Every structure is written in C-alpha cells, then in structure tokens.
C-alpha cells in the first residue's frame, strides 16, 4: 500500500516537473517575442525620426500626406506598445504559475520523502 502511494507521489512529482519545463519553454518564447517587438519598435521609431527630418517647405498636399504618414507611425507605435504590455502581463502570469508549481513540487517532494521514510 505504501509502495503504491510512493509511486503515485513520484508520478505527481514528474508531472509537476514536466509542467515547469513547459512553462519555461513558454517563458522563453514570450521573451523572444518581446525582444522581436522591441527591435521592431526601435526600427519604427528610427524611420519615424528620419521622416520628421524635413528641411523643405511643404505645400498643402504634401503637408497633409506627411501628417497622415506620421499618424500612421503613431498608431503603429501604439499597437507595438500594447503588444509589449500584453507580453509583460503574460510573463507575469507565467511567473505566478511557476511560483505555484514550485510550491506544489516542494510539497510533493516532502510528501514523497515522508512515505519513503515510512517504508524504511
């Protein structure tokens, strides 16, 4: 009977460790995506700055087109910043889940050790 309980506790530990490993992979993917968004944002801002370096006088149509283009840059930046916020929220959720799983793992290991002590 105790042998079965130890076996169940060991299986539970393996399951929690597998969940932690999957969570680590998810966190790595989120961090990679966050880095990609950061690079994309930096490129967008650089293009935006280059476009703002205007030394010529613009006529009415050119000024309207420039305002539209700069507005598009602004909207693209807002979308990227929202994605960055979303990535940070997801990373926070991963951190909370990792903490929860680590507590579960710790209690599973302690319980498994108790049963192993009883078996001896």
PDB file of N, CA and C in Angstrom:
ATOM      1  N   UNK A   1       0.808  -1.200   0.000  1.00  0.00           N
ATOM      2  CA  UNK A   1       0.000   0.000   0.000  1.00  0.00           C
ATOM      3  C   UNK A   1       0.852   1.266   0.000  1.00  0.00           C
ATOM      4  N   UNK A   2       1.850   1.319   0.894  1.00  0.00           N
ATOM      5  CA  UNK A   2       2.734   2.485   0.927  1.00  0.00           C
ATOM      6  C   UNK A   2       3.556   2.592  -0.352  1.00  0.00           C
ATOM      7  N   UNK A   3       3.912   1.455  -0.912  1.00  0.00           N
ATOM      8  CA  UNK A   3       4.663   1.450  -2.174  1.00  0.00           C
ATOM      9  C   UNK A   3       3.877   2.114  -3.292  1.00  0.00           C
ATOM     10  N   UNK A   4       2.590   1.828  -3.315  1.00  0.00           N
ATOM     11  CA  UNK A   4       1.723   2.468  -4.325  1.00  0.00           C
ATOM     12  C   UNK A   4       1.639   3.970  -4.111  1.00  0.00           C
ATOM     13  N   UNK A   5       1.545   4.370  -2.853  1.00  0.00           N
ATOM     14  CA  UNK A   5       1.481   5.801  -2.551  1.00  0.00           C
ATOM     15  C   UNK A   5       2.773   6.501  -2.962  1.00  0.00           C
ATOM     16  N   UNK A   6       3.912   5.874  -2.718  1.00  0.00           N
ATOM     17  CA  UNK A   6       5.192   6.443  -3.127  1.00  0.00           C
ATOM     18  C   UNK A   6       5.236   6.562  -4.647  1.00  0.00           C
ATOM     19  N   UNK A   7       4.750   5.538  -5.315  1.00  0.00           N
ATOM     20  CA  UNK A   7       4.705   5.567  -6.782  1.00  0.00           C
ATOM     21  C   UNK A   7       3.827   6.702  -7.290  1.00  0.00           C
ATOM     22  N   UNK A   8       2.670   6.887  -6.665  1.00  0.00           N
ATOM     23  CA  UNK A   8       1.782   7.987  -7.054  1.00  0.00           C
ATOM     24  C   UNK A   8       2.428   9.346  -6.810  1.00  0.00           C
ATOM     25  N   UNK A   9       3.105   9.463  -5.668  1.00  0.00           N
ATOM     26  CA  UNK A   9       3.781  10.731  -5.351  1.00  0.00           C
ATOM     27  C   UNK A   9       4.911  11.000  -6.344  1.00  0.00           C
ATOM     28  N   UNK A  10       5.625   9.962  -6.745  1.00  0.00           N
ATOM     29  CA  UNK A  10       6.707  10.131  -7.726  1.00  0.00           C
ATOM     30  C   UNK A  10       6.140  10.553  -9.075  1.00  0.00           C
ATOM     31  N   UNK A  11       5.025   9.961  -9.452  1.00  0.00           N
ATOM     32  CA  UNK A  11       4.382  10.336 -10.717  1.00  0.00           C
ATOM     33  C   UNK A  11       3.914  11.791 -10.660  1.00  0.00           C
ATOM     34  N   UNK A  12       3.384  12.183  -9.520  1.00  0.00           N
ATOM     35  CA  UNK A  12       2.935  13.576  -9.338  1.00  0.00           C
ATOM     36  C   UNK A  12       4.119  14.539  -9.474  1.00  0.00           C
ATOM     37  N   UNK A  13       5.245  14.162  -8.869  1.00  0.00           N
ATOM     38  CA  UNK A  13       6.447  14.994  -8.960  1.00  0.00           C
ATOM     39  C   UNK A  13       6.892  15.136 -10.412  1.00  0.00           C
ATOM     40  N   UNK A  14       6.913  14.034 -11.152  1.00  0.00           N
ATOM     41  CA  UNK A  14       7.310  14.087 -12.564  1.00  0.00           C
ATOM     42  C   UNK A  14       6.369  14.970 -13.372  1.00  0.00           C
ATOM     43  N   UNK A  15       5.083  14.866 -13.061  1.00  0.00           N
ATOM     44  CA  UNK A  15       4.086  15.680 -13.756  1.00  0.00           C
ATOM     45  C   UNK A  15       4.311  17.172 -13.499  1.00  0.00           C
ATOM     46  N   UNK A  16       4.587  17.511 -12.263  1.00  0.00           N
ATOM     47  CA  UNK A  16       4.834  18.917 -11.919  1.00  0.00           C
ATOM     48  C   UNK A  16       6.114  19.402 -12.593  1.00  0.00           C
ATOM     49  N   UNK A  17       7.148  18.574 -12.593  1.00  0.00           N
ATOM     50  CA  UNK A  17       8.405  18.958 -13.251  1.00  0.00           C
ATOM     51  C   UNK A  17       8.197  19.151 -14.760  1.00  0.00           C
ATOM     52  N   UNK A  18       7.381  18.310 -15.362  1.00  0.00           N
ATOM     53  CA  UNK A  18       7.086  18.466 -16.793  1.00  0.00           C
ATOM     54  C   UNK A  18       6.329  19.772 -17.041  1.00  0.00           C
ATOM     55  N   UNK A  19       5.414  20.107 -16.156  1.00  0.00           N
ATOM     56  CA  UNK A  19       4.683  21.369 -16.279  1.00  0.00           C
ATOM     57  C   UNK A  19       5.620  22.559 -16.133  1.00  0.00           C
ATOM     58  N   UNK A  20       6.558  22.467 -15.208  1.00  0.00           N
ATOM     59  CA  UNK A  20       7.545  23.536 -15.037  1.00  0.00           C
ATOM     60  C   UNK A  20       8.415  23.693 -16.274  1.00  0.00           C
ATOM     61  N   UNK A  21       8.777  22.568 -16.878  1.00  0.00           N
ATOM     62  CA  UNK A  21       9.594  22.614 -18.095  1.00  0.00           C
ATOM     63  C   UNK A  21       8.806  23.271 -19.239  1.00  0.00           C
ATOM     64  N   UNK A  22       7.539  22.906 -19.384  1.00  0.00           N
ATOM     65  CA  UNK A  22       6.696  23.510 -20.419  1.00  0.00           C
ATOM     66  C   UNK A  22       6.535  25.007 -20.168  1.00  0.00           C
ATOM     67  N   UNK A  23       6.419  25.377 -18.920  1.00  0.00           N
ATOM     68  CA  UNK A  23       6.300  26.790 -18.562  1.00  0.00           C
ATOM     69  C   UNK A  23       7.576  27.555 -18.909  1.00  0.00           C
ATOM     70  N   UNK A  24       8.718  26.923 -18.711  1.00  0.00           N
ATOM     71  CA  UNK A  24       9.996  27.545 -19.081  1.00  0.00           C
ATOM     72  C   UNK A  24      10.076  27.772 -20.588  1.00  0.00           C
ATOM     73  N   UNK A  25       9.620  26.788 -21.352  1.00  0.00           N
ATOM     74  CA  UNK A  25       9.610  26.954 -22.817  1.00  0.00           C
ATOM     75  C   UNK A  25       8.686  28.097 -23.222  1.00  0.00           C
ATOM     76  N   UNK A  26       7.532  28.192 -22.575  1.00  0.00           N
ATOM     77  CA  UNK A  26       6.587  29.276 -22.875  1.00  0.00           C
ATOM     78  C   UNK A  26       7.204  30.634 -22.527  1.00  0.00           C
ATOM     79  N   UNK A  27       7.883  30.690 -21.398  1.00  0.00           N
ATOM     80  CA  UNK A  27       8.521  31.934 -20.993  1.00  0.00           C
ATOM     81  C   UNK A  27       9.609  32.338 -21.996  1.00  0.00           C
ATOM     82  N   UNK A  28      10.382  31.371 -22.447  1.00  0.00           N
ATOM     83  CA  UNK A  28      11.423  31.658 -23.440  1.00  0.00           C
ATOM     84  C   UNK A  28      10.817  32.187 -24.736  1.00  0.00           C
ATOM     85  N   UNK A  29       9.713  31.591 -25.158  1.00  0.00           N
ATOM     86  CA  UNK A  29       9.046  32.048 -26.378  1.00  0.00           C
ATOM     87  C   UNK A  29       8.512  33.468 -26.208  1.00  0.00           C
ATOM     88  N   UNK A  30       7.936  33.755 -25.047  1.00  0.00           N
ATOM     89  CA  UNK A  30       7.430  35.103 -24.784  1.00  0.00           C
ATOM     90  C   UNK A  30       8.557  36.125 -24.759  1.00  0.00           C
ATOM     91  N   UNK A  31       9.678  35.762 -24.145  1.00  0.00           N
ATOM     92  CA  UNK A  31      10.819  36.681 -24.102  1.00  0.00           C
ATOM     93  C   UNK A  31      11.388  36.928 -25.494  1.00  0.00           C
ATOM     94  N   UNK A  32      11.433  35.877 -26.311  1.00  0.00           N
ATOM     95  CA  UNK A  32      11.914  36.040 -27.682  1.00  0.00           C
ATOM     96  C   UNK A  32      10.978  36.951 -28.474  1.00  0.00           C
ATOM     97  N   UNK A  33       9.679  36.750 -28.293  1.00  0.00           N
ATOM     98  CA  UNK A  33       8.710  37.604 -28.983  1.00  0.00           C
ATOM     99  C   UNK A  33       8.824  39.046 -28.496  1.00  0.00           C
ATOM    100  N   UNK A  34       9.042  39.223 -27.211  1.00  0.00           N
ATOM    101  CA  UNK A  34       9.204  40.561 -26.649  1.00  0.00           C
ATOM    102  C   UNK A  34      10.437  41.248 -27.227  1.00  0.00           C
ATOM    103  N   UNK A  35      11.528  40.494 -27.369  1.00  0.00           N
ATOM    104  CA  UNK A  35      12.730  41.050 -27.997  1.00  0.00           C
ATOM    105  C   UNK A  35      12.461  41.455 -29.442  1.00  0.00           C
ATOM    106  N   UNK A  36      11.735  40.618 -30.158  1.00  0.00           N
ATOM    107  CA  UNK A  36      11.390  40.928 -31.549  1.00  0.00           C
ATOM    108  C   UNK A  36      10.549  42.192 -31.658  1.00  0.00           C
ATOM    109  N   UNK A  37       9.602  42.351 -30.750  1.00  0.00           N
ATOM    110  CA  UNK A  37       8.769  43.554 -30.752  1.00  0.00           C
ATOM    111  C   UNK A  37       9.632  44.776 -30.439  1.00  0.00           C
ATOM    112  N   UNK A  38      10.571  44.625 -29.518  1.00  0.00           N
ATOM    113  CA  UNK A  38      11.472  45.729 -29.180  1.00  0.00           C
ATOM    114  C   UNK A  38      12.301  46.169 -30.363  1.00  0.00           C
ATOM    115  N   UNK A  39      12.800  45.206 -31.122  1.00  0.00           N
ATOM    116  CA  UNK A  39      13.575  45.527 -32.327  1.00  0.00           C
ATOM    117  C   UNK A  39      12.689  46.221 -33.354  1.00  0.00           C
ATOM    118  N   UNK A  40      11.478  45.696 -33.522  1.00  0.00           N
ATOM    119  CA  UNK A  40      10.528  46.293 -34.462  1.00  0.00           C
ATOM    120  C   UNK A  40      10.181  47.725 -34.047  1.00  0.00           C
ATOM    121  N   UNK A  41      10.002  47.944 -32.754  1.00  0.00           N
ATOM    122  CA  UNK A  41       9.677  49.277 -32.243  1.00  0.00           C
ATOM    123  C   UNK A  41      10.836  50.247 -32.467  1.00  0.00           C
ATOM    124  N   UNK A  42      12.048  49.784 -32.218  1.00  0.00           N
ATOM    125  CA  UNK A  42      13.218  50.640 -32.431  1.00  0.00           C
ATOM    126  C   UNK A  42      13.340  51.031 -33.903  1.00  0.00           C
ATOM    127  N   UNK A  43      13.102  50.082 -34.800  1.00  0.00           N
ATOM    128  CA  UNK A  43      13.146  50.374 -36.230  1.00  0.00           C
ATOM    129  C   UNK A  43      12.065  51.360 -36.643  1.00  0.00           C
ATOM    130  N   UNK A  44      10.887  51.176 -36.107  1.00  0.00           N
ATOM    131  CA  UNK A  44       9.780  52.091 -36.403  1.00  0.00           C
ATOM    132  C   UNK A  44      10.113  53.508 -35.945  1.00  0.00           C
ATOM    133  N   UNK A  45      10.636  53.620 -34.744  1.00  0.00           N
ATOM    134  CA  UNK A  45      10.974  54.951 -34.221  1.00  0.00           C
ATOM    135  C   UNK A  45      12.085  55.605 -35.033  1.00  0.00           C
ATOM    136  N   UNK A  46      13.028  54.809 -35.481  1.00  0.00           N
ATOM    137  CA  UNK A  46      14.109  55.356 -36.320  1.00  0.00           C
ATOM    138  C   UNK A  46      13.557  55.867 -37.644  1.00  0.00           C
ATOM    139  N   UNK A  47      12.675  55.085 -38.285  1.00  0.00           N
ATOM    140  CA  UNK A  47      12.050  55.542 -39.540  1.00  0.00           C
ATOM    141  C   UNK A  47      11.223  56.802 -39.303  1.00  0.00           C
ATOM    142  N   UNK A  48      10.543  56.843 -38.175  1.00  0.00           N
ATOM    143  CA  UNK A  48       9.719  57.990 -37.812  1.00  0.00           C
ATOM    144  C   UNK A  48      10.583  59.253 -37.675  1.00  0.00           C
ATOM    145  N   UNK A  49      11.714  59.104 -36.946  1.00  0.00           N
ATOM    146  CA  UNK A  49      12.626  60.249 -36.793  1.00  0.00           C
ATOM    147  C   UNK A  49      13.188  60.711 -38.136  1.00  0.00           C
ATOM    148  N   UNK A  50      13.570  59.762 -38.968  1.00  0.00           N
ATOM    149  CA  UNK A  50      14.108  60.115 -40.290  1.00  0.00           C
ATOM    150  C   UNK A  50      13.070  60.865 -41.111  1.00  0.00           C
ATOM    151  N   UNK A  51      11.835  60.438 -41.009  1.00  0.00           N
ATOM    152  CA  UNK A  51      10.763  61.088 -41.785  1.00  0.00           C
ATOM    153  C   UNK A  51      10.479  62.496 -41.270  1.00  0.00           C
ATOM    154  N   UNK A  52      10.724  62.715 -39.975  1.00  0.00           N
ATOM    155  CA  UNK A  52      10.485  64.044 -39.386  1.00  0.00           C
ATOM    156  C   UNK A  52      11.588  65.046 -39.721  1.00  0.00           C
ATOM    157  N   UNK A  53      12.717  64.582 -40.213  1.00  0.00           N
ATOM    158  CA  UNK A  53      13.817  65.476 -40.573  1.00  0.00           C
ATOM    159  C   UNK A  53      13.540  66.113 -41.926  1.00  0.00           C
ATOM    160  N   UNK A  54      12.670  67.087 -41.922  1.00  0.00           N
ATOM    161  CA  UNK A  54      12.281  67.758 -43.167  1.00  0.00           C
ATOM    162  C   UNK A  54      12.850  69.168 -43.137  1.00  0.00           C
ATOM    163  N   UNK A  55      13.594  69.499 -44.167  1.00  0.00           N
ATOM    164  CA  UNK A  55      14.166  70.833 -44.255  1.00  0.00           C
ATOM    165  C   UNK A  55      13.453  71.680 -45.303  1.00  0.00           C
ATOM    166  N   UNK A  56      12.677  71.055 -46.137  1.00  0.00           N
ATOM    167  CA  UNK A  56      11.990  71.771 -47.208  1.00  0.00           C
ATOM    168  C   UNK A  56      10.662  72.343 -46.724  1.00  0.00           C
ATOM    169  N   UNK A  57      10.194  73.317 -47.454  1.00  0.00           N
ATOM    170  CA  UNK A  57       8.863  73.861 -47.215  1.00  0.00           C
ATOM    171  C   UNK A  57       7.879  72.973 -47.966  1.00  0.00           C
ATOM    172  N   UNK A  58       6.791  72.603 -47.294  1.00  0.00           N
ATOM    173  CA  UNK A  58       5.823  71.694 -47.898  1.00  0.00           C
ATOM    174  C   UNK A  58       4.576  72.462 -48.324  1.00  0.00           C
ATOM    175  N   UNK A  59       4.035  72.042 -49.463  1.00  0.00           N
ATOM    176  CA  UNK A  59       2.751  72.629 -49.866  1.00  0.00           C
ATOM    177  C   UNK A  59       1.625  71.929 -49.100  1.00  0.00           C
ATOM    178  N   UNK A  60       0.406  72.370 -49.303  1.00  0.00           N
ATOM    179  CA  UNK A  60      -0.757  71.871 -48.557  1.00  0.00           C
ATOM    180  C   UNK A  60      -0.912  70.355 -48.686  1.00  0.00           C
ATOM    181  N   UNK A  61      -0.815  69.829 -49.900  1.00  0.00           N
ATOM    182  CA  UNK A  61      -0.995  68.385 -50.120  1.00  0.00           C
ATOM    183  C   UNK A  61       0.126  67.573 -49.480  1.00  0.00           C
ATOM    184  N   UNK A  62       1.351  68.054 -49.625  1.00  0.00           N
ATOM    185  CA  UNK A  62       2.492  67.342 -49.046  1.00  0.00           C
ATOM    186  C   UNK A  62       2.403  67.348 -47.520  1.00  0.00           C
ATOM    187  N   UNK A  63       1.947  68.466 -46.954  1.00  0.00           N
ATOM    188  CA  UNK A  63       1.799  68.554 -45.505  1.00  0.00           C
ATOM    189  C   UNK A  63       0.718  67.593 -45.014  1.00  0.00           C
ATOM    190  N   UNK A  64      -0.395  67.516 -45.744  1.00  0.00           N
ATOM    191  CA  UNK A  64      -1.454  66.592 -45.389  1.00  0.00           C
ATOM    192  C   UNK A  64      -0.950  65.148 -45.445  1.00  0.00           C
ATOM    193  N   UNK A  65      -0.231  64.807 -46.497  1.00  0.00           N
ATOM    194  CA  UNK A  65       0.326  63.450 -46.635  1.00  0.00           C
ATOM    195  C   UNK A  65       1.302  63.140 -45.504  1.00  0.00           C
ATOM    196  N   UNK A  66       2.116  64.129 -45.128  1.00  0.00           N
ATOM    197  CA  UNK A  66       3.076  63.937 -44.038  1.00  0.00           C
ATOM    198  C   UNK A  66       2.341  63.703 -42.718  1.00  0.00           C
ATOM    199  N   UNK A  67       1.279  64.477 -42.480  1.00  0.00           N
ATOM    200  CA  UNK A  67       0.505  64.293 -41.249  1.00  0.00           C
ATOM    201  C   UNK A  67      -0.109  62.893 -41.203  1.00  0.00           C
ATOM    202  N   UNK A  68      -0.611  62.444 -42.328  1.00  0.00           N
ATOM    203  CA  UNK A  68      -1.196  61.092 -42.384  1.00  0.00           C
ATOM    204  C   UNK A  68      -0.124  60.047 -42.112  1.00  0.00           C
ATOM    205  N   UNK A  69       1.031  60.212 -42.729  1.00  0.00           N
ATOM    206  CA  UNK A  69       2.128  59.257 -42.550  1.00  0.00           C
ATOM    207  C   UNK A  69       2.603  59.246 -41.088  1.00  0.00           C
ATOM    208  N   UNK A  70       2.747  60.415 -40.507  1.00  0.00           N
ATOM    209  CA  UNK A  70       3.179  60.488 -39.111  1.00  0.00           C
ATOM    210  C   UNK A  70       2.113  59.913 -38.177  1.00  0.00           C
ATOM    211  N   UNK A  71       0.856  60.103 -38.515  1.00  0.00           N
ATOM    212  CA  UNK A  71      -0.226  59.492 -37.739  1.00  0.00           C
ATOM    213  C   UNK A  71      -0.171  57.979 -37.810  1.00  0.00           C
ATOM    214  N   UNK A  72       0.168  57.464 -38.984  1.00  0.00           N
ATOM    215  CA  UNK A  72       0.323  56.008 -39.132  1.00  0.00           C
ATOM    216  C   UNK A  72       1.462  55.486 -38.268  1.00  0.00           C
ATOM    217  N   UNK A  73       2.568  56.255 -38.221  1.00  0.00           N
ATOM    218  CA  UNK A  73       3.680  55.869 -37.354  1.00  0.00           C
ATOM    219  C   UNK A  73       3.237  55.851 -35.896  1.00  0.00           C
ATOM    220  N   UNK A  74       2.477  56.854 -35.508  1.00  0.00           N
ATOM    221  CA  UNK A  74       1.986  56.935 -34.130  1.00  0.00           C
ATOM    222  C   UNK A  74       1.113  55.724 -33.799  1.00  0.00           C
ATOM    223  N   UNK A  75       0.188  55.400 -34.685  1.00  0.00           N
ATOM    224  CA  UNK A  75      -0.699  54.256 -34.446  1.00  0.00           C
ATOM    225  C   UNK A  75       0.081  52.940 -34.394  1.00  0.00           C
ATOM    226  N   UNK A  76       1.067  52.794 -35.275  1.00  0.00           N
ATOM    227  CA  UNK A  76       1.888  51.584 -35.265  1.00  0.00           C
ATOM    228  C   UNK A  76       2.658  51.480 -33.948  1.00  0.00           C
ATOM    229  N   UNK A  77       3.168  52.602 -33.458  1.00  0.00           N
ATOM    230  CA  UNK A  77       3.877  52.595 -32.183  1.00  0.00           C
ATOM    231  C   UNK A  77       2.936  52.204 -31.044  1.00  0.00           C
ATOM    232  N   UNK A  78       1.729  52.734 -31.039  1.00  0.00           N
ATOM    233  CA  UNK A  78       0.752  52.408 -30.003  1.00  0.00           C
ATOM    234  C   UNK A  78       0.447  50.907 -30.010  1.00  0.00           C
ATOM    235  N   UNK A  79       0.272  50.335 -31.209  1.00  0.00           N
ATOM    236  CA  UNK A  79      -0.003  48.893 -31.304  1.00  0.00           C
ATOM    237  C   UNK A  79       1.160  48.077 -30.743  1.00  0.00           C
ATOM    238  N   UNK A  80       2.389  48.479 -31.077  1.00  0.00           N
ATOM    239  CA  UNK A  80       3.554  47.753 -30.570  1.00  0.00           C
ATOM    240  C   UNK A  80       3.661  47.894 -29.054  1.00  0.00           C
ATOM    241  N   UNK A  81       3.383  49.070 -28.525  1.00  0.00           N
ATOM    242  CA  UNK A  81       3.430  49.256 -27.071  1.00  0.00           C
ATOM    243  C   UNK A  81       2.351  48.434 -26.367  1.00  0.00           C
ATOM    244  N   UNK A  82       1.190  48.308 -26.996  1.00  0.00           N
ATOM    245  CA  UNK A  82       0.136  47.453 -26.428  1.00  0.00           C
ATOM    246  C   UNK A  82       0.576  45.997 -26.428  1.00  0.00           C
ATOM    247  N   UNK A  83       1.235  45.582 -27.508  1.00  0.00           N
ATOM    248  CA  UNK A  83       1.739  44.202 -27.549  1.00  0.00           C
ATOM    249  C   UNK A  83       2.793  43.975 -26.467  1.00  0.00           C
ATOM    250  N   UNK A  84       3.639  44.973 -26.247  1.00  0.00           N
ATOM    251  CA  UNK A  84       4.652  44.859 -25.192  1.00  0.00           C
ATOM    252  C   UNK A  84       3.972  44.734 -23.826  1.00  0.00           C
ATOM    253  N   UNK A  85       2.941  45.541 -23.589  1.00  0.00           N
ATOM    254  CA  UNK A  85       2.200  45.435 -22.327  1.00  0.00           C
ATOM    255  C   UNK A  85       1.578  44.050 -22.167  1.00  0.00           C
ATOM    256  N   UNK A  86       1.014  43.538 -23.248  1.00  0.00           N
ATOM    257  CA  UNK A  86       0.422  42.197 -23.217  1.00  0.00           C
ATOM    258  C   UNK A  86       1.476  41.147 -22.898  1.00  0.00           C
ATOM    259  N   UNK A  87       2.657  41.270 -23.506  1.00  0.00           N
ATOM    260  CA  UNK A  87       3.738  40.310 -23.244  1.00  0.00           C
ATOM    261  C   UNK A  87       4.162  40.375 -21.779  1.00  0.00           C
ATOM    262  N   UNK A  88       4.238  41.580 -21.221  1.00  0.00           N
ATOM    263  CA  UNK A  88       4.602  41.712 -19.810  1.00  0.00           C
ATOM    264  C   UNK A  88       3.540  41.087 -18.904  1.00  0.00           C
ATOM    265  N   UNK A  89       2.278  41.247 -19.252  1.00  0.00           N
ATOM    266  CA  UNK A  89       1.215  40.621 -18.464  1.00  0.00           C
ATOM    267  C   UNK A  89       1.311  39.099 -18.541  1.00  0.00           C
ATOM    268  N   UNK A  90       1.571  38.585 -19.742  1.00  0.00           N
ATOM    269  CA  UNK A  90       1.712  37.131 -19.889  1.00  0.00           C
ATOM    270  C   UNK A  90       2.916  36.609 -19.120  1.00  0.00           C
ATOM    271  N   UNK A  91       4.009  37.359 -19.135  1.00  0.00           N
ATOM    272  CA  UNK A  91       5.195  36.952 -18.381  1.00  0.00           C
ATOM    273  C   UNK A  91       4.914  36.966 -16.877  1.00  0.00           C
ATOM    274  N   UNK A  92       4.125  37.917 -16.423  1.00  0.00           N
ATOM    275  CA  UNK A  92       3.752  37.956 -15.010  1.00  0.00           C
ATOM    276  C   UNK A  92       2.902  36.739 -14.655  1.00  0.00           C
ATOM    277  N   UNK A  93       1.991  36.359 -15.551  1.00  0.00           N
ATOM    278  CA  UNK A  93       1.179  35.162 -15.322  1.00  0.00           C
ATOM    279  C   UNK A  93       2.051  33.915 -15.265  1.00  0.00           C
ATOM    280  N   UNK A  94       3.062  33.852 -16.122  1.00  0.00           N
ATOM    281  CA  UNK A  94       3.992  32.721 -16.114  1.00  0.00           C
ATOM    282  C   UNK A  94       4.738  32.674 -14.782  1.00  0.00           C
ATOM    283  N   UNK A  95       5.170  33.826 -14.296  1.00  0.00           N
ATOM    284  CA  UNK A  95       5.889  33.887 -13.024  1.00  0.00           C
ATOM    285  C   UNK A  95       4.998  33.391 -11.880  1.00  0.00           C
ATOM    286  N   UNK A  96       3.766  33.833 -11.863  1.00  0.00           N
ATOM    287  CA  UNK A  96       2.829  33.402 -10.816  1.00  0.00           C
ATOM    288  C   UNK A  96       2.607  31.894 -10.886  1.00  0.00           C
ATOM    289  N   UNK A  97       2.415  31.374 -12.098  1.00  0.00           N
ATOM    290  CA  UNK A  97       2.203  29.930 -12.278  1.00  0.00           C
ATOM    291  C   UNK A  97       3.444  29.140 -11.878  1.00  0.00           C
ATOM    292  N   UNK A  98       4.642  29.664 -12.221  1.00  0.00           N
ATOM    293  CA  UNK A  98       5.883  28.978 -11.846  1.00  0.00           C
ATOM    294  C   UNK A  98       6.003  28.919 -10.326  1.00  0.00           C
ATOM    295  N   UNK A  99       5.681  30.014  -9.640  1.00  0.00           N
ATOM    296  CA  UNK A  99       5.729  30.016  -8.175  1.00  0.00           C
ATOM    297  C   UNK A  99       4.757  28.991  -7.595  1.00  0.00           C
ATOM    298  N   UNK A 100       3.561  28.934  -8.173  1.00  0.00           N
ATOM    299  CA  UNK A 100       2.564  27.967  -7.703  1.00  0.00           C
ATOM    300  C   UNK A 100       3.059  26.532  -7.899  1.00  0.00           C
ATOM    301  N   UNK A 101       3.607  26.268  -9.076  1.00  0.00           N
ATOM    302  CA  UNK A 101       4.104  24.915  -9.365  1.00  0.00           C
ATOM    303  C   UNK A 101       5.303  24.565  -8.485  1.00  0.00           C
ATOM    304  N   UNK A 102       6.162  25.529  -8.200  1.00  0.00           N
ATOM    305  CA  UNK A 102       7.299  25.255  -7.316  1.00  0.00           C
ATOM    306  C   UNK A 102       6.830  24.908  -5.905  1.00  0.00           C
ATOM    307  N   UNK A 103       5.784  25.586  -5.433  1.00  0.00           N
ATOM    308  CA  UNK A 103       5.230  25.233  -4.120  1.00  0.00           C
ATOM    309  C   UNK A 103       4.636  23.823  -4.146  1.00  0.00           C
ATOM    310  N   UNK A 104       3.912  23.503  -5.225  1.00  0.00           N
ATOM    311  CA  UNK A 104       3.354  22.158  -5.350  1.00  0.00           C
ATOM    312  C   UNK A 104       4.456  21.103  -5.409  1.00  0.00           C
ATOM    313  N   UNK A 105       5.509  21.404  -6.143  1.00  0.00           N
ATOM    314  CA  UNK A 105       6.625  20.468  -6.258  1.00  0.00           C
ATOM    315  C   UNK A 105       7.276  20.249  -4.898  1.00  0.00           C
ATOM    316  N   UNK A 106       7.466  21.316  -4.180  1.00  0.00           N
ATOM    317  CA  UNK A 106       8.082  21.200  -2.861  1.00  0.00           C
ATOM    318  C   UNK A 106       7.227  20.332  -1.937  1.00  0.00           C
ATOM    319  N   UNK A 107       5.918  20.557  -1.937  1.00  0.00           N
ATOM    320  CA  UNK A 107       5.063  19.742  -1.067  1.00  0.00           C
ATOM    321  C   UNK A 107       5.017  18.294  -1.543  1.00  0.00           C
ATOM    322  N   UNK A 108       5.074  18.072  -2.855  1.00  0.00           N
ATOM    323  CA  UNK A 108       5.072  16.699  -3.376  1.00  0.00           C
ATOM    324  C   UNK A 108       6.352  15.964  -2.982  1.00  0.00           C
ATOM    325  N   UNK A 109       7.471  16.655  -3.042  1.00  0.00           N
ATOM    326  CA  UNK A 109       8.743  16.032  -2.663  1.00  0.00           C
ATOM    327  C   UNK A 109       8.754  15.717  -1.166  1.00  0.00           C
ATOM    328  N   UNK A 110       8.245  16.636  -0.375  1.00  0.00           N
ATOM    329  CA  UNK A 110       8.187  16.402   1.076  1.00  0.00           C
ATOM    330  C   UNK A 110       7.296  15.199   1.383  1.00  0.00           C
ATOM    331  N   UNK A 111       6.137  15.140   0.749  1.00  0.00           N
ATOM    332  CA  UNK A 111       5.224  14.012   0.972  1.00  0.00           C
ATOM    333  C   UNK A 111       5.869  12.705   0.525  1.00  0.00           C
ATOM    334  N   UNK A 112       6.553  12.743  -0.599  1.00  0.00           N
ATOM    335  CA  UNK A 112       7.223  11.538  -1.106  1.00  0.00           C
ATOM    336  C   UNK A 112       8.307  11.106  -0.114  1.00  0.00           C
ATOM    337  N   UNK A 113       9.061  12.041   0.424  1.00  0.00           N
ATOM    338  CA  UNK A 113      10.102  11.702   1.407  1.00  0.00           C
ATOM    339  C   UNK A 113       9.497  11.101   2.674  1.00  0.00           C
ATOM    340  N   UNK A 114       8.344  11.616   3.084  1.00  0.00           N
ATOM    341  CA  UNK A 114       7.677  11.060   4.270  1.00  0.00           C
ATOM    342  C   UNK A 114       7.313   9.594   4.039  1.00  0.00           C
ATOM    343  N   UNK A 115       6.737   9.308   2.867  1.00  0.00           N
ATOM    344  CA  UNK A 115       6.369   7.928   2.587  1.00  0.00           C
ATOM    345  C   UNK A 115       7.599   7.035   2.443  1.00  0.00           C
ATOM    346  N   UNK A 116       8.665   7.557   1.901  1.00  0.00           N
ATOM    347  CA  UNK A 116       9.899   6.775   1.778  1.00  0.00           C
ATOM    348  C   UNK A 116      10.454   6.455   3.174  1.00  0.00           C
ATOM    349  N   UNK A 117      10.345   7.436   4.073  1.00  0.00           N
ATOM    350  CA  UNK A 117      10.802   7.199   5.453  1.00  0.00           C
ATOM    351  C   UNK A 117       9.953   6.122   6.116  1.00  0.00           C
ATOM    352  N   UNK A 118       8.639   6.147   5.872  1.00  0.00           N
ATOM    353  CA  UNK A 118       7.766   5.125   6.430  1.00  0.00           C
ATOM    354  C   UNK A 118       8.072   3.743   5.874  1.00  0.00           C
ATOM    355  N   UNK A 119       8.484   3.692   4.628  1.00  0.00           N
ATOM    356  CA  UNK A 119       8.807   2.401   4.013  1.00  0.00           C
ATOM    357  C   UNK A 119      10.082   1.795   4.587  1.00  0.00           C
ATOM    358  N   UNK A 120      10.978   2.630   5.066  1.00  0.00           N
ATOM    359  CA  UNK A 120      12.261   2.119   5.591  1.00  0.00           C
ATOM    360  C   UNK A 120      12.135   1.538   6.930  1.00  0.00           C
TER     361      UNK A 120
END
